[in-house]
């Protein structure tokens, strides 16, 4: 990578990192309320930023952005008032691994298979990658939560060993998870298309 491009890369990494931290600190910037469809439903859209950053910067930078997202979630889980969500993300595996994988996998897929595809199909690619990003995050969060119940006997997460796991999986995967996949697909498709078009014109 040429020095000029390396400088641009560092600037964009810093910009995406700042956006992720702002979205994490200011709840209304990181959550999209969907109360019109279901009372209390709100989907997290920080993953959209990570996915777009991974598309623009590649899998390595995407993994770093995912780490930033997960590291803040881990810190917030240990410093906030205990709740089901906070107790889940006190597990470092649950907080970090799914978010790192979002950036790593989305960046790898785009740069390996779709970077040189035609401009006409790229919006469809971005929609697919956006939905996949939300699916990866939801699936691995649920996986490590399940491991916390079955392997770690929930002592690591602090959630009591009862029928809460079944309710948690159904509620997250059945409602919030599906909503996040749809929203992420739409937002990444809308936002990534002009961003990548601009970067390509600048010979990024």
N, C-alpha and C. Protein backbone atom coordinates (compact mmCIF):
# COMPACT_ATOMS: atom_id res chain seq x y z
N UNK A 1 0.84 -1.20 0.00
CA UNK A 1 0.00 0.00 0.00
C UNK A 1 0.87 1.25 0.00
N UNK A 2 0.56 2.18 -0.88
CA UNK A 2 1.34 3.40 -0.97
C UNK A 2 1.12 4.26 0.28
N UNK A 3 2.13 5.12 0.64
CA UNK A 3 2.00 5.94 1.86
C UNK A 3 0.72 6.76 1.89
N UNK A 4 0.33 7.33 0.73
CA UNK A 4 -0.88 8.15 0.70
C UNK A 4 -2.11 7.32 1.03
N UNK A 5 -2.18 6.10 0.46
CA UNK A 5 -3.31 5.22 0.75
C UNK A 5 -3.27 4.74 2.20
N UNK A 6 -2.06 4.53 2.74
CA UNK A 6 -1.96 4.11 4.13
C UNK A 6 -2.48 5.21 5.06
N UNK A 7 -2.19 6.44 4.73
CA UNK A 7 -2.70 7.56 5.53
C UNK A 7 -4.21 7.62 5.46
N UNK A 8 -4.76 7.45 4.26
CA UNK A 8 -6.22 7.44 4.11
C UNK A 8 -6.83 6.30 4.92
N UNK A 9 -6.17 5.14 4.89
CA UNK A 9 -6.66 3.99 5.65
C UNK A 9 -6.73 4.31 7.13
N UNK A 10 -5.68 4.89 7.67
CA UNK A 10 -5.65 5.23 9.09
C UNK A 10 -6.70 6.27 9.44
N UNK A 11 -6.88 7.25 8.56
CA UNK A 11 -7.89 8.28 8.80
C UNK A 11 -9.29 7.67 8.82
N UNK A 12 -9.57 6.78 7.87
CA UNK A 12 -10.89 6.15 7.82
C UNK A 12 -11.12 5.21 9.00
N UNK A 13 -10.07 4.50 9.42
CA UNK A 13 -10.20 3.65 10.61
C UNK A 13 -10.54 4.50 11.83
N UNK A 14 -9.84 5.62 11.98
CA UNK A 14 -10.12 6.51 13.10
C UNK A 14 -11.53 7.06 13.03
N UNK A 15 -11.99 7.40 11.82
CA UNK A 15 -13.34 7.94 11.65
C UNK A 15 -14.39 6.90 12.02
N UNK A 16 -14.25 5.68 11.50
CA UNK A 16 -15.22 4.63 11.81
C UNK A 16 -15.18 4.27 13.29
N UNK A 17 -13.97 4.27 13.89
CA UNK A 17 -13.86 3.99 15.33
C UNK A 17 -14.62 5.04 16.13
N UNK A 18 -14.45 6.30 15.77
CA UNK A 18 -15.14 7.39 16.46
C UNK A 18 -16.66 7.24 16.33
N UNK A 19 -17.14 6.87 15.13
CA UNK A 19 -18.58 6.70 14.93
C UNK A 19 -19.11 5.57 15.80
N UNK A 20 -18.37 4.46 15.86
CA UNK A 20 -18.80 3.32 16.67
C UNK A 20 -18.87 3.70 18.16
N UNK A 21 -17.87 4.43 18.63
CA UNK A 21 -17.87 4.84 20.05
C UNK A 21 -19.01 5.81 20.34
N UNK A 22 -19.25 6.74 19.42
CA UNK A 22 -20.36 7.68 19.62
C UNK A 22 -21.69 6.93 19.62
N UNK A 23 -21.86 5.99 18.69
CA UNK A 23 -23.09 5.19 18.66
C UNK A 23 -23.25 4.38 19.95
N UNK A 24 -22.15 3.90 20.50
CA UNK A 24 -22.21 3.10 21.72
C UNK A 24 -22.54 3.95 22.94
N UNK A 25 -21.99 5.16 22.98
CA UNK A 25 -22.19 6.03 24.14
C UNK A 25 -23.55 6.69 24.12
N UNK A 26 -23.99 7.11 22.94
CA UNK A 26 -25.29 7.79 22.80
C UNK A 26 -26.31 6.76 22.31
N UNK A 27 -27.18 6.26 23.18
CA UNK A 27 -28.06 5.14 22.82
C UNK A 27 -28.89 5.38 21.56
N UNK A 28 -29.44 6.56 21.40
CA UNK A 28 -30.33 6.81 20.27
C UNK A 28 -29.59 6.81 18.93
N UNK A 29 -28.27 6.89 18.95
CA UNK A 29 -27.50 6.82 17.70
C UNK A 29 -27.11 5.39 17.36
N UNK A 30 -27.15 4.52 18.34
CA UNK A 30 -26.78 3.13 18.11
C UNK A 30 -27.96 2.18 18.09
N UNK A 31 -29.14 2.69 18.43
CA UNK A 31 -30.36 1.88 18.44
C UNK A 31 -31.41 2.52 17.55
N UNK A 32 -32.09 1.70 16.78
CA UNK A 32 -33.18 2.18 15.95
C UNK A 32 -34.49 1.66 16.52
N UNK A 33 -35.30 2.56 17.12
CA UNK A 33 -36.57 2.10 17.69
C UNK A 33 -37.57 1.74 16.60
N UNK A 34 -38.22 0.60 16.77
CA UNK A 34 -39.23 0.15 15.81
C UNK A 34 -40.55 -0.08 16.52
N UNK A 35 -40.91 0.85 17.37
CA UNK A 35 -42.13 0.72 18.16
C UNK A 35 -43.39 0.66 17.34
N UNK A 36 -43.34 1.16 16.10
CA UNK A 36 -44.52 1.12 15.24
C UNK A 36 -44.85 -0.31 14.83
N UNK A 37 -43.85 -1.22 14.89
CA UNK A 37 -44.08 -2.60 14.49
C UNK A 37 -44.28 -3.52 15.69
N UNK A 38 -43.61 -3.23 16.79
CA UNK A 38 -43.77 -4.02 18.00
C UNK A 38 -43.36 -3.16 19.19
N UNK A 39 -44.18 -3.18 20.23
CA UNK A 39 -43.92 -2.33 21.39
C UNK A 39 -42.59 -2.70 22.02
N UNK A 40 -41.72 -1.70 22.21
CA UNK A 40 -40.44 -1.91 22.85
C UNK A 40 -39.35 -2.46 21.94
N UNK A 41 -39.67 -2.71 20.66
CA UNK A 41 -38.68 -3.28 19.75
C UNK A 41 -37.69 -2.21 19.31
N UNK A 42 -36.41 -2.49 19.47
CA UNK A 42 -35.34 -1.60 19.02
C UNK A 42 -34.17 -2.45 18.57
N UNK A 43 -33.63 -2.13 17.41
CA UNK A 43 -32.54 -2.94 16.87
C UNK A 43 -31.25 -2.14 16.94
N UNK A 44 -30.16 -2.84 17.21
CA UNK A 44 -28.84 -2.21 17.28
C UNK A 44 -28.29 -2.05 15.87
N UNK A 45 -27.81 -0.86 15.56
CA UNK A 45 -27.32 -0.60 14.21
C UNK A 45 -25.82 -0.29 14.18
N UNK A 46 -25.13 -0.54 15.30
CA UNK A 46 -23.67 -0.36 15.29
C UNK A 46 -23.04 -1.35 14.32
N UNK A 47 -23.64 -2.52 14.19
CA UNK A 47 -23.13 -3.50 13.26
C UNK A 47 -23.13 -3.02 11.82
N UNK A 48 -24.04 -2.11 11.51
CA UNK A 48 -24.07 -1.50 10.18
C UNK A 48 -22.78 -0.73 9.93
N UNK A 49 -22.35 0.03 10.91
CA UNK A 49 -21.11 0.80 10.79
C UNK A 49 -19.92 -0.13 10.63
N UNK A 50 -19.88 -1.21 11.41
CA UNK A 50 -18.78 -2.17 11.31
C UNK A 50 -18.77 -2.82 9.93
N UNK A 51 -19.94 -3.20 9.42
CA UNK A 51 -20.02 -3.85 8.11
C UNK A 51 -19.55 -2.91 7.00
N UNK A 52 -19.99 -1.66 7.06
CA UNK A 52 -19.58 -0.69 6.04
C UNK A 52 -18.08 -0.43 6.13
N UNK A 53 -17.56 -0.32 7.35
CA UNK A 53 -16.12 -0.14 7.52
C UNK A 53 -15.34 -1.32 6.99
N UNK A 54 -15.85 -2.54 7.19
CA UNK A 54 -15.17 -3.74 6.68
C UNK A 54 -15.17 -3.76 5.16
N UNK A 55 -16.28 -3.34 4.56
CA UNK A 55 -16.37 -3.28 3.10
C UNK A 55 -15.38 -2.25 2.56
N UNK A 56 -15.30 -1.11 3.21
CA UNK A 56 -14.45 -0.03 2.72
C UNK A 56 -12.97 -0.28 2.98
N UNK A 57 -12.64 -0.95 4.10
CA UNK A 57 -11.25 -1.03 4.55
C UNK A 57 -10.64 -2.42 4.53
N UNK A 58 -11.45 -3.45 4.39
CA UNK A 58 -10.92 -4.80 4.34
C UNK A 58 -11.12 -5.57 5.63
N UNK A 59 -10.85 -6.88 5.61
CA UNK A 59 -11.15 -7.73 6.76
C UNK A 59 -10.35 -7.41 8.02
N UNK A 60 -9.07 -7.03 7.87
CA UNK A 60 -8.26 -6.73 9.05
C UNK A 60 -8.80 -5.52 9.80
N UNK A 61 -9.05 -4.47 9.07
CA UNK A 61 -9.61 -3.27 9.68
C UNK A 61 -11.02 -3.53 10.19
N UNK A 62 -11.78 -4.34 9.43
CA UNK A 62 -13.13 -4.69 9.88
C UNK A 62 -13.12 -5.43 11.20
N UNK A 63 -12.16 -6.36 11.35
CA UNK A 63 -12.04 -7.09 12.62
C UNK A 63 -11.69 -6.14 13.76
N UNK A 64 -10.84 -5.15 13.49
CA UNK A 64 -10.49 -4.17 14.53
C UNK A 64 -11.72 -3.36 14.93
N UNK A 65 -12.52 -2.93 13.94
CA UNK A 65 -13.73 -2.17 14.26
C UNK A 65 -14.70 -3.02 15.06
N UNK A 66 -14.80 -4.31 14.72
CA UNK A 66 -15.64 -5.20 15.51
C UNK A 66 -15.13 -5.35 16.93
N UNK A 67 -13.81 -5.37 17.09
CA UNK A 67 -13.22 -5.44 18.43
C UNK A 67 -13.57 -4.20 19.24
N UNK A 68 -13.52 -3.03 18.62
CA UNK A 68 -13.88 -1.79 19.32
C UNK A 68 -15.33 -1.88 19.80
N UNK A 69 -16.21 -2.31 18.93
CA UNK A 69 -17.63 -2.47 19.27
C UNK A 69 -17.79 -3.43 20.44
N UNK A 70 -17.14 -4.60 20.36
CA UNK A 70 -17.26 -5.59 21.41
C UNK A 70 -16.61 -5.17 22.71
N UNK A 71 -15.46 -4.48 22.63
CA UNK A 71 -14.76 -4.05 23.84
C UNK A 71 -15.60 -3.05 24.62
N UNK A 72 -16.27 -2.14 23.90
CA UNK A 72 -17.12 -1.19 24.61
C UNK A 72 -18.32 -1.92 25.24
N UNK A 73 -18.89 -2.89 24.51
CA UNK A 73 -20.01 -3.65 25.06
C UNK A 73 -19.59 -4.39 26.32
N UNK A 74 -18.38 -4.96 26.33
CA UNK A 74 -17.87 -5.66 27.50
C UNK A 74 -17.70 -4.71 28.67
N UNK A 75 -17.09 -3.56 28.40
CA UNK A 75 -16.90 -2.58 29.46
C UNK A 75 -18.23 -2.08 29.99
N UNK A 76 -19.17 -1.80 29.10
CA UNK A 76 -20.47 -1.30 29.51
C UNK A 76 -21.23 -2.34 30.33
N UNK A 77 -21.09 -3.62 29.96
CA UNK A 77 -21.79 -4.68 30.69
C UNK A 77 -21.32 -4.78 32.13
N UNK A 78 -20.03 -4.52 32.37
CA UNK A 78 -19.49 -4.64 33.72
C UNK A 78 -19.67 -3.36 34.55
N UNK A 79 -20.03 -2.27 33.90
CA UNK A 79 -20.16 -1.00 34.63
C UNK A 79 -21.59 -0.51 34.72
N UNK A 80 -22.52 -1.16 34.01
CA UNK A 80 -23.91 -0.72 34.02
C UNK A 80 -24.71 -1.51 35.04
N UNK A 81 -25.95 -1.09 35.24
CA UNK A 81 -26.85 -1.80 36.16
C UNK A 81 -27.13 -3.19 35.60
N UNK A 82 -27.02 -4.24 36.41
CA UNK A 82 -27.22 -5.60 35.90
C UNK A 82 -28.59 -5.78 35.25
N UNK A 83 -28.59 -6.40 34.08
CA UNK A 83 -29.80 -6.77 33.37
C UNK A 83 -29.47 -8.03 32.59
N UNK A 84 -30.47 -8.62 31.94
CA UNK A 84 -30.20 -9.84 31.18
C UNK A 84 -29.16 -9.58 30.11
N UNK A 85 -29.32 -8.47 29.38
CA UNK A 85 -28.36 -8.13 28.32
C UNK A 85 -26.97 -7.88 28.87
N UNK A 86 -26.90 -7.11 29.96
CA UNK A 86 -25.60 -6.80 30.55
C UNK A 86 -24.91 -8.06 31.05
N UNK A 87 -25.67 -8.96 31.70
CA UNK A 87 -25.08 -10.19 32.21
C UNK A 87 -24.59 -11.09 31.07
N UNK A 88 -25.31 -11.09 29.95
CA UNK A 88 -24.87 -11.87 28.80
C UNK A 88 -23.51 -11.39 28.31
N UNK A 89 -23.36 -10.07 28.19
CA UNK A 89 -22.15 -9.52 27.58
C UNK A 89 -21.01 -9.33 28.58
N UNK A 90 -21.19 -9.77 29.81
CA UNK A 90 -20.05 -9.83 30.72
C UNK A 90 -19.13 -10.99 30.37
N UNK A 91 -19.63 -11.91 29.57
CA UNK A 91 -18.80 -12.98 29.04
C UNK A 91 -17.97 -12.40 27.89
N UNK A 92 -16.63 -12.36 28.00
CA UNK A 92 -15.81 -11.77 26.93
C UNK A 92 -16.01 -12.44 25.58
N UNK A 93 -16.28 -13.76 25.58
CA UNK A 93 -16.52 -14.44 24.31
C UNK A 93 -17.77 -13.89 23.63
N UNK A 94 -18.82 -13.71 24.40
CA UNK A 94 -20.08 -13.20 23.85
C UNK A 94 -19.92 -11.77 23.37
N UNK A 95 -19.17 -10.96 24.11
CA UNK A 95 -19.03 -9.55 23.76
C UNK A 95 -18.11 -9.32 22.58
N UNK A 96 -17.03 -10.09 22.49
CA UNK A 96 -15.98 -9.79 21.52
C UNK A 96 -16.06 -10.62 20.23
N UNK A 97 -16.16 -11.93 20.38
CA UNK A 97 -16.01 -12.81 19.21
C UNK A 97 -17.04 -12.54 18.12
N UNK A 98 -18.35 -12.44 18.42
CA UNK A 98 -19.31 -12.19 17.33
C UNK A 98 -19.04 -10.90 16.58
N UNK A 99 -18.66 -9.85 17.30
CA UNK A 99 -18.45 -8.55 16.66
C UNK A 99 -17.18 -8.57 15.80
N UNK A 100 -16.12 -9.23 16.30
CA UNK A 100 -14.90 -9.35 15.49
C UNK A 100 -15.18 -10.14 14.22
N UNK A 101 -15.97 -11.21 14.35
CA UNK A 101 -16.29 -12.03 13.19
C UNK A 101 -17.12 -11.26 12.16
N UNK A 102 -17.97 -10.36 12.61
CA UNK A 102 -18.74 -9.54 11.67
C UNK A 102 -17.79 -8.78 10.74
N UNK A 103 -16.86 -8.04 11.33
CA UNK A 103 -15.92 -7.27 10.53
C UNK A 103 -15.02 -8.13 9.68
N UNK A 104 -14.55 -9.24 10.24
CA UNK A 104 -13.61 -10.12 9.54
C UNK A 104 -14.28 -10.80 8.35
N UNK A 105 -15.45 -11.41 8.57
CA UNK A 105 -16.12 -12.17 7.52
C UNK A 105 -16.67 -11.27 6.42
N UNK A 106 -17.32 -10.17 6.81
CA UNK A 106 -17.88 -9.27 5.80
C UNK A 106 -16.77 -8.65 4.97
N UNK A 107 -15.69 -8.22 5.60
CA UNK A 107 -14.56 -7.66 4.86
C UNK A 107 -13.93 -8.68 3.92
N UNK A 108 -13.76 -9.91 4.42
CA UNK A 108 -13.16 -10.95 3.58
C UNK A 108 -14.03 -11.26 2.38
N UNK A 109 -15.33 -11.44 2.60
CA UNK A 109 -16.22 -11.80 1.49
C UNK A 109 -16.23 -10.71 0.42
N UNK A 110 -16.30 -9.45 0.84
CA UNK A 110 -16.36 -8.39 -0.15
C UNK A 110 -15.05 -8.28 -0.92
N UNK A 111 -13.93 -8.23 -0.21
CA UNK A 111 -12.64 -8.01 -0.87
C UNK A 111 -12.19 -9.24 -1.65
N UNK A 112 -12.64 -10.42 -1.27
CA UNK A 112 -12.23 -11.64 -1.97
C UNK A 112 -13.11 -11.93 -3.19
N UNK A 113 -14.41 -11.65 -3.09
CA UNK A 113 -15.32 -12.09 -4.13
C UNK A 113 -16.06 -10.97 -4.89
N UNK A 114 -16.24 -9.81 -4.25
CA UNK A 114 -17.14 -8.82 -4.85
C UNK A 114 -16.51 -7.46 -5.14
N UNK A 115 -15.27 -7.25 -4.74
CA UNK A 115 -14.68 -5.93 -4.88
C UNK A 115 -14.65 -5.46 -6.33
N UNK A 116 -14.40 -6.35 -7.25
CA UNK A 116 -14.28 -5.99 -8.66
C UNK A 116 -15.54 -6.28 -9.46
N UNK A 117 -16.64 -6.54 -8.78
CA UNK A 117 -17.90 -6.79 -9.49
C UNK A 117 -18.46 -5.49 -10.05
N UNK A 118 -19.41 -5.59 -10.96
CA UNK A 118 -19.94 -4.41 -11.63
C UNK A 118 -20.73 -3.54 -10.66
N UNK A 119 -20.78 -2.25 -10.98
CA UNK A 119 -21.48 -1.30 -10.11
C UNK A 119 -22.98 -1.58 -10.05
N UNK A 120 -23.53 -2.25 -11.04
CA UNK A 120 -24.96 -2.52 -11.06
C UNK A 120 -25.37 -3.55 -10.02
N UNK A 121 -24.49 -4.52 -9.75
CA UNK A 121 -24.87 -5.56 -8.79
C UNK A 121 -24.38 -5.28 -7.38
N UNK A 122 -23.51 -4.28 -7.23
CA UNK A 122 -22.97 -4.02 -5.90
C UNK A 122 -24.03 -3.64 -4.87
N UNK A 123 -25.07 -2.85 -5.21
CA UNK A 123 -26.11 -2.60 -4.21
C UNK A 123 -26.75 -3.88 -3.68
N UNK A 124 -26.93 -4.86 -4.56
CA UNK A 124 -27.48 -6.15 -4.11
C UNK A 124 -26.48 -6.86 -3.20
N UNK A 125 -25.20 -6.77 -3.56
CA UNK A 125 -24.15 -7.37 -2.72
C UNK A 125 -24.17 -6.74 -1.33
N UNK A 126 -24.26 -5.40 -1.26
CA UNK A 126 -24.26 -4.71 0.02
C UNK A 126 -25.47 -5.08 0.87
N UNK A 127 -26.62 -5.25 0.21
CA UNK A 127 -27.82 -5.66 0.94
C UNK A 127 -27.60 -7.05 1.56
N UNK A 128 -27.05 -7.96 0.75
CA UNK A 128 -26.78 -9.30 1.27
C UNK A 128 -25.77 -9.31 2.39
N UNK A 129 -24.70 -8.54 2.24
CA UNK A 129 -23.67 -8.49 3.28
C UNK A 129 -24.20 -7.83 4.56
N UNK A 130 -25.07 -6.84 4.39
CA UNK A 130 -25.66 -6.21 5.57
C UNK A 130 -26.51 -7.18 6.37
N UNK A 131 -27.35 -7.94 5.67
CA UNK A 131 -28.15 -8.95 6.36
C UNK A 131 -27.29 -10.02 7.00
N UNK A 132 -26.24 -10.43 6.29
CA UNK A 132 -25.33 -11.45 6.84
C UNK A 132 -24.61 -10.95 8.08
N UNK A 133 -24.23 -9.67 8.10
CA UNK A 133 -23.55 -9.11 9.27
C UNK A 133 -24.41 -9.24 10.52
N UNK A 134 -25.69 -8.88 10.40
CA UNK A 134 -26.59 -8.99 11.55
C UNK A 134 -26.81 -10.45 11.93
N UNK A 135 -26.89 -11.32 10.94
CA UNK A 135 -27.08 -12.74 11.23
C UNK A 135 -25.88 -13.31 11.98
N UNK A 136 -24.67 -12.96 11.54
CA UNK A 136 -23.46 -13.45 12.21
C UNK A 136 -23.45 -13.02 13.67
N UNK A 137 -23.72 -11.74 13.90
CA UNK A 137 -23.70 -11.23 15.27
C UNK A 137 -24.74 -11.95 16.14
N UNK A 138 -25.98 -12.04 15.65
CA UNK A 138 -27.04 -12.68 16.42
C UNK A 138 -26.74 -14.16 16.67
N UNK A 139 -26.31 -14.85 15.63
CA UNK A 139 -26.07 -16.30 15.75
C UNK A 139 -24.98 -16.60 16.77
N UNK A 140 -23.88 -15.86 16.73
CA UNK A 140 -22.77 -16.15 17.63
C UNK A 140 -23.04 -15.65 19.05
N UNK A 141 -23.79 -14.57 19.18
CA UNK A 141 -24.19 -14.15 20.53
C UNK A 141 -25.04 -15.23 21.18
N UNK A 142 -26.00 -15.78 20.41
CA UNK A 142 -26.84 -16.84 20.94
C UNK A 142 -26.02 -18.10 21.22
N UNK A 143 -25.06 -18.40 20.36
CA UNK A 143 -24.22 -19.59 20.57
C UNK A 143 -23.45 -19.49 21.87
N UNK A 144 -22.79 -18.35 22.11
CA UNK A 144 -21.99 -18.22 23.33
C UNK A 144 -22.88 -18.08 24.56
N UNK A 145 -24.09 -17.54 24.39
CA UNK A 145 -25.04 -17.52 25.51
C UNK A 145 -25.45 -18.94 25.86
N UNK A 146 -25.72 -19.75 24.83
CA UNK A 146 -26.06 -21.16 25.06
C UNK A 146 -24.92 -21.89 25.74
N UNK A 147 -23.69 -21.63 25.31
CA UNK A 147 -22.54 -22.26 25.96
C UNK A 147 -22.46 -21.85 27.43
N UNK A 148 -22.82 -20.58 27.71
CA UNK A 148 -22.82 -20.13 29.09
C UNK A 148 -23.78 -20.91 29.95
N UNK A 149 -24.90 -21.34 29.36
CA UNK A 149 -25.88 -22.12 30.11
C UNK A 149 -25.46 -23.57 30.25
N UNK A 150 -25.01 -24.18 29.17
CA UNK A 150 -24.79 -25.62 29.18
C UNK A 150 -23.40 -26.03 29.63
N UNK A 151 -22.38 -25.33 29.15
CA UNK A 151 -21.01 -25.70 29.48
C UNK A 151 -20.56 -25.04 30.78
N UNK A 152 -20.84 -23.74 30.89
CA UNK A 152 -20.38 -22.99 32.06
C UNK A 152 -21.42 -22.98 33.17
N UNK A 153 -22.57 -23.61 32.93
CA UNK A 153 -23.65 -23.67 33.93
C UNK A 153 -24.08 -22.29 34.40
N UNK A 154 -23.95 -21.30 33.54
CA UNK A 154 -24.42 -19.93 33.72
C UNK A 154 -23.68 -19.16 34.79
N UNK A 155 -22.74 -19.77 35.49
CA UNK A 155 -22.04 -19.03 36.53
C UNK A 155 -21.20 -17.91 35.94
N UNK A 156 -20.75 -18.12 34.68
CA UNK A 156 -19.91 -17.11 34.04
C UNK A 156 -20.72 -15.88 33.65
N UNK A 157 -21.98 -16.11 33.24
CA UNK A 157 -22.83 -14.99 32.85
C UNK A 157 -23.65 -14.46 34.02
N UNK A 158 -23.86 -15.30 35.02
CA UNK A 158 -24.64 -14.88 36.17
C UNK A 158 -26.13 -15.02 36.00
N UNK A 159 -26.60 -15.60 34.88
CA UNK A 159 -28.03 -15.76 34.67
C UNK A 159 -28.48 -17.06 35.31
N UNK A 160 -29.55 -17.06 36.10
CA UNK A 160 -29.99 -18.28 36.78
C UNK A 160 -30.28 -19.40 35.80
N UNK A 161 -30.05 -20.64 36.24
CA UNK A 161 -30.25 -21.80 35.38
C UNK A 161 -31.72 -22.22 35.45
N UNK A 162 -32.53 -21.68 34.54
CA UNK A 162 -33.94 -22.05 34.47
C UNK A 162 -34.37 -22.05 33.02
N UNK A 163 -35.64 -21.84 32.75
CA UNK A 163 -36.13 -21.88 31.39
C UNK A 163 -35.91 -20.57 30.66
N UNK A 164 -35.12 -19.67 31.22
CA UNK A 164 -34.88 -18.38 30.60
C UNK A 164 -34.17 -18.53 29.27
N UNK A 165 -33.30 -19.54 29.12
CA UNK A 165 -32.54 -19.71 27.89
C UNK A 165 -33.47 -19.88 26.69
N UNK A 166 -34.47 -20.75 26.82
CA UNK A 166 -35.40 -20.96 25.71
C UNK A 166 -36.13 -19.70 25.35
N UNK A 167 -36.58 -18.96 26.36
CA UNK A 167 -37.27 -17.69 26.10
C UNK A 167 -36.34 -16.69 25.44
N UNK A 168 -35.09 -16.67 25.90
CA UNK A 168 -34.12 -15.72 25.35
C UNK A 168 -33.86 -16.00 23.87
N UNK A 169 -33.64 -17.27 23.53
CA UNK A 169 -33.37 -17.62 22.14
C UNK A 169 -34.56 -17.28 21.26
N UNK A 170 -35.77 -17.63 21.71
CA UNK A 170 -36.95 -17.36 20.90
C UNK A 170 -37.17 -15.87 20.71
N UNK A 171 -36.99 -15.09 21.78
CA UNK A 171 -37.25 -13.66 21.69
C UNK A 171 -36.23 -12.95 20.83
N UNK A 172 -34.93 -13.29 21.03
CA UNK A 172 -33.87 -12.62 20.27
C UNK A 172 -33.87 -13.06 18.82
N UNK A 173 -33.86 -14.38 18.60
CA UNK A 173 -33.79 -14.89 17.23
C UNK A 173 -35.10 -14.71 16.49
N UNK A 174 -36.22 -14.84 17.21
CA UNK A 174 -37.51 -14.79 16.54
C UNK A 174 -38.02 -13.41 16.22
N UNK A 175 -37.65 -12.41 17.01
CA UNK A 175 -38.17 -11.06 16.80
C UNK A 175 -37.03 -10.09 16.54
N UNK A 176 -36.23 -9.85 17.54
CA UNK A 176 -35.18 -8.84 17.41
C UNK A 176 -34.14 -9.22 16.36
N UNK A 177 -33.77 -10.52 16.34
CA UNK A 177 -32.76 -10.96 15.38
C UNK A 177 -33.21 -10.78 13.95
N UNK A 178 -34.44 -11.16 13.65
CA UNK A 178 -34.97 -11.01 12.30
C UNK A 178 -35.07 -9.53 11.93
N UNK A 179 -35.53 -8.72 12.87
CA UNK A 179 -35.64 -7.28 12.61
C UNK A 179 -34.26 -6.68 12.32
N UNK A 180 -33.25 -7.10 13.08
CA UNK A 180 -31.90 -6.57 12.85
C UNK A 180 -31.36 -6.98 11.49
N UNK A 181 -31.64 -8.20 11.06
CA UNK A 181 -31.19 -8.64 9.75
C UNK A 181 -31.80 -7.79 8.65
N UNK A 182 -33.10 -7.54 8.74
CA UNK A 182 -33.80 -6.74 7.72
C UNK A 182 -33.29 -5.31 7.71
N UNK A 183 -33.21 -4.70 8.90
CA UNK A 183 -32.76 -3.31 8.99
C UNK A 183 -31.32 -3.17 8.53
N UNK A 184 -30.46 -4.09 8.96
CA UNK A 184 -29.05 -4.02 8.57
C UNK A 184 -28.89 -4.17 7.06
N UNK A 185 -29.64 -5.07 6.45
CA UNK A 185 -29.57 -5.26 5.00
C UNK A 185 -29.95 -3.97 4.27
N UNK A 186 -31.02 -3.32 4.73
CA UNK A 186 -31.48 -2.09 4.08
C UNK A 186 -30.47 -0.97 4.26
N UNK A 187 -30.01 -0.77 5.51
CA UNK A 187 -29.12 0.36 5.79
C UNK A 187 -27.76 0.20 5.11
N UNK A 188 -27.19 -1.00 5.16
CA UNK A 188 -25.89 -1.20 4.50
C UNK A 188 -26.05 -1.01 3.00
N UNK A 189 -27.14 -1.51 2.43
CA UNK A 189 -27.38 -1.32 1.01
C UNK A 189 -27.49 0.14 0.63
N UNK A 190 -28.17 0.93 1.45
CA UNK A 190 -28.37 2.35 1.15
C UNK A 190 -27.10 3.16 1.37
N UNK A 191 -26.39 2.88 2.47
CA UNK A 191 -25.25 3.72 2.85
C UNK A 191 -23.97 3.31 2.14
N UNK A 192 -23.73 2.01 2.02
CA UNK A 192 -22.46 1.55 1.44
C UNK A 192 -22.36 1.86 -0.05
N UNK A 193 -23.48 1.88 -0.75
CA UNK A 193 -23.44 2.09 -2.20
C UNK A 193 -22.81 3.44 -2.57
N UNK A 194 -23.28 4.57 -2.03
CA UNK A 194 -22.63 5.84 -2.39
C UNK A 194 -21.22 5.98 -1.82
N UNK A 195 -20.98 5.41 -0.63
CA UNK A 195 -19.64 5.50 -0.04
C UNK A 195 -18.62 4.78 -0.91
N UNK A 196 -18.93 3.56 -1.32
CA UNK A 196 -17.98 2.80 -2.13
C UNK A 196 -17.86 3.39 -3.53
N UNK A 197 -18.94 3.95 -4.05
CA UNK A 197 -18.86 4.62 -5.35
C UNK A 197 -17.91 5.81 -5.28
N UNK A 198 -17.99 6.56 -4.20
CA UNK A 198 -17.09 7.71 -4.01
C UNK A 198 -15.64 7.26 -3.87
N UNK A 199 -15.41 6.23 -3.06
CA UNK A 199 -14.04 5.74 -2.86
C UNK A 199 -13.45 5.18 -4.15
N UNK A 200 -14.29 4.53 -4.94
CA UNK A 200 -13.80 4.00 -6.21
C UNK A 200 -13.44 5.12 -7.17
N UNK A 201 -14.22 6.19 -7.17
CA UNK A 201 -13.89 7.33 -8.04
C UNK A 201 -12.58 7.98 -7.62
N UNK A 202 -12.28 7.89 -6.32
CA UNK A 202 -11.02 8.46 -5.81
C UNK A 202 -9.89 7.45 -5.93
N UNK A 203 -10.13 6.32 -6.62
CA UNK A 203 -9.13 5.27 -6.83
C UNK A 203 -8.60 4.72 -5.50
N UNK A 204 -9.55 4.46 -4.59
CA UNK A 204 -9.20 3.93 -3.28
C UNK A 204 -8.73 2.48 -3.40
